[in-house]
Amino acid sequence: MKNWSVDEKFLKRFPQKYELWKLEQMLSYGLDDGERVNKKNLLKNWSFLSSRIDPNRVEFLRFILWQ
């Protein structure tokens, strides 16, 4: 994932915020080749992320994660 509008060096100073931002970007805009979403981090931050991404994607992820 490449992001041109955010200063990632600055954001990395705040690990929790960076983790949430990175997960949200990965879920909303896709992954690069070989990149994967960490399921443990996704589940840990689900309550925050589910309100910030597309509702259709939330339903799809619920189906995949909890069937």
C-alpha atoms as a PDB file:
ATOM      1  CA  MET A   1       0.000   0.000   0.000  1.00  0.00           C
ATOM      2  CA  LYS A   2       1.365   3.375  -0.973  1.00  0.00           C
ATOM      3  CA  ASN A   3       0.015   6.531   0.612  1.00  0.00           C
ATOM      4  CA  TRP A   4       1.112   9.897  -0.699  1.00  0.00           C
ATOM      5  CA  SER A   5      -1.015  12.173   1.473  1.00  0.00           C
ATOM      6  CA  VAL A   6       0.239  11.163   4.938  1.00  0.00           C
ATOM      7  CA  ASP A   7       3.660  11.648   6.504  1.00  0.00           C
ATOM      8  CA  GLU A   8       4.237   8.090   7.690  1.00  0.00           C
ATOM      9  CA  LYS A   9       7.523   8.979   9.425  1.00  0.00           C
ATOM     10  CA  PHE A  10       5.669  11.399  11.674  1.00  0.00           C
ATOM     11  CA  LEU A  11       2.767   9.009  12.244  1.00  0.00           C
ATOM     12  CA  LYS A  12       5.123   6.178  13.246  1.00  0.00           C
ATOM     13  CA  ARG A  13       6.010   8.199  16.357  1.00  0.00           C
ATOM     14  CA  PHE A  14       2.583   7.238  17.682  1.00  0.00           C
ATOM     15  CA  PRO A  15       2.489   3.420  17.388  1.00  0.00           C
ATOM     16  CA  GLN A  16      -1.170   2.901  18.333  1.00  0.00           C
ATOM     17  CA  LYS A  17      -2.445   5.589  15.971  1.00  0.00           C
ATOM     18  CA  TYR A  18      -0.167   4.316  13.212  1.00  0.00           C
ATOM     19  CA  GLU A  19      -1.438   0.750  13.666  1.00  0.00           C
ATOM     20  CA  LEU A  20      -5.065   1.891  13.449  1.00  0.00           C
ATOM     21  CA  TRP A  21      -4.382   4.090  10.437  1.00  0.00           C
ATOM     22  CA  LYS A  22      -2.494   1.325   8.641  1.00  0.00           C
ATOM     23  CA  LEU A  23      -5.246  -1.250   9.271  1.00  0.00           C
ATOM     24  CA  GLU A  24      -7.924   1.153   8.090  1.00  0.00           C
ATOM     25  CA  GLN A  25      -5.957   1.953   4.923  1.00  0.00           C
ATOM     26  CA  MET A  26      -5.334  -1.714   4.185  1.00  0.00           C
ATOM     27  CA  LEU A  27      -9.000  -2.599   4.587  1.00  0.00           C
ATOM     28  CA  SER A  28     -10.292   0.383   2.636  1.00  0.00           C
ATOM     29  CA  TYR A  29      -7.829   0.587  -0.245  1.00  0.00           C
ATOM     30  CA  GLY A  30      -6.398  -2.899  -0.604  1.00  0.00           C
ATOM     31  CA  LEU A  31      -3.072  -4.623  -0.155  1.00  0.00           C
ATOM     32  CA  ASP A  32       0.144  -4.802  -2.142  1.00  0.00           C
ATOM     33  CA  ASP A  33       1.447  -8.115  -3.424  1.00  0.00           C
ATOM     34  CA  GLY A  34       2.260 -10.420  -0.533  1.00  0.00           C
ATOM     35  CA  GLU A  35       0.927  -8.035   2.102  1.00  0.00           C
ATOM     36  CA  ARG A  36      -1.441  -9.463   4.708  1.00  0.00           C
ATOM     37  CA  VAL A  37      -3.668  -8.131   7.449  1.00  0.00           C
ATOM     38  CA  ASN A  38      -2.771  -9.375  10.917  1.00  0.00           C
ATOM     39  CA  LYS A  39      -5.937 -11.122  12.140  1.00  0.00           C
ATOM     40  CA  LYS A  40      -5.037 -10.637  15.808  1.00  0.00           C
ATOM     41  CA  ASN A  41      -4.699  -6.858  15.369  1.00  0.00           C
ATOM     42  CA  LEU A  42      -7.853  -6.721  13.270  1.00  0.00           C
ATOM     43  CA  LEU A  43      -9.897  -8.468  15.970  1.00  0.00           C
ATOM     44  CA  LYS A  44      -8.329  -6.350  18.730  1.00  0.00           C
ATOM     45  CA  ASN A  45      -9.291  -3.119  16.948  1.00  0.00           C
ATOM     46  CA  TRP A  46     -12.552  -4.266  15.361  1.00  0.00           C
ATOM     47  CA  SER A  47     -14.831  -1.916  17.318  1.00  0.00           C
ATOM     48  CA  PHE A  48     -12.891   1.115  16.088  1.00  0.00           C
ATOM     49  CA  LEU A  49     -12.405  -0.092  12.514  1.00  0.00           C
ATOM     50  CA  SER A  50     -15.943  -1.302  11.890  1.00  0.00           C
ATOM     51  CA  SER A  51     -17.291   2.214  12.288  1.00  0.00           C
ATOM     52  CA  ARG A  52     -14.706   3.723   9.910  1.00  0.00           C
ATOM     53  CA  ILE A  53     -14.827   1.475   6.852  1.00  0.00           C
ATOM     54  CA  ASP A  54     -17.461   0.801   4.201  1.00  0.00           C
ATOM     55  CA  PRO A  55     -20.537  -1.007   5.662  1.00  0.00           C
ATOM     56  CA  ASN A  56     -20.489  -3.605   2.878  1.00  0.00           C
ATOM     57  CA  ARG A  57     -16.873  -4.389   3.645  1.00  0.00           C
ATOM     58  CA  VAL A  58     -17.730  -4.670   7.350  1.00  0.00           C
ATOM     59  CA  GLU A  59     -20.399  -7.281   6.555  1.00  0.00           C
ATOM     60  CA  PHE A  60     -17.970  -9.204   4.345  1.00  0.00           C
ATOM     61  CA  LEU A  61     -15.278  -9.183   7.035  1.00  0.00           C
ATOM     62  CA  ARG A  62     -17.794 -10.310   9.677  1.00  0.00           C
ATOM     63  CA  PHE A  63     -18.710 -13.223   7.450  1.00  0.00           C
ATOM     64  CA  ILE A  64     -15.055 -14.167   6.971  1.00  0.00           C
ATOM     65  CA  LEU A  65     -14.020 -13.707  10.590  1.00  0.00           C
ATOM     66  CA  TRP A  66     -17.005 -15.146  12.437  1.00  0.00           C
ATOM     67  CA  GLN A  67     -19.004 -16.974   9.751  1.00  0.00           C
END
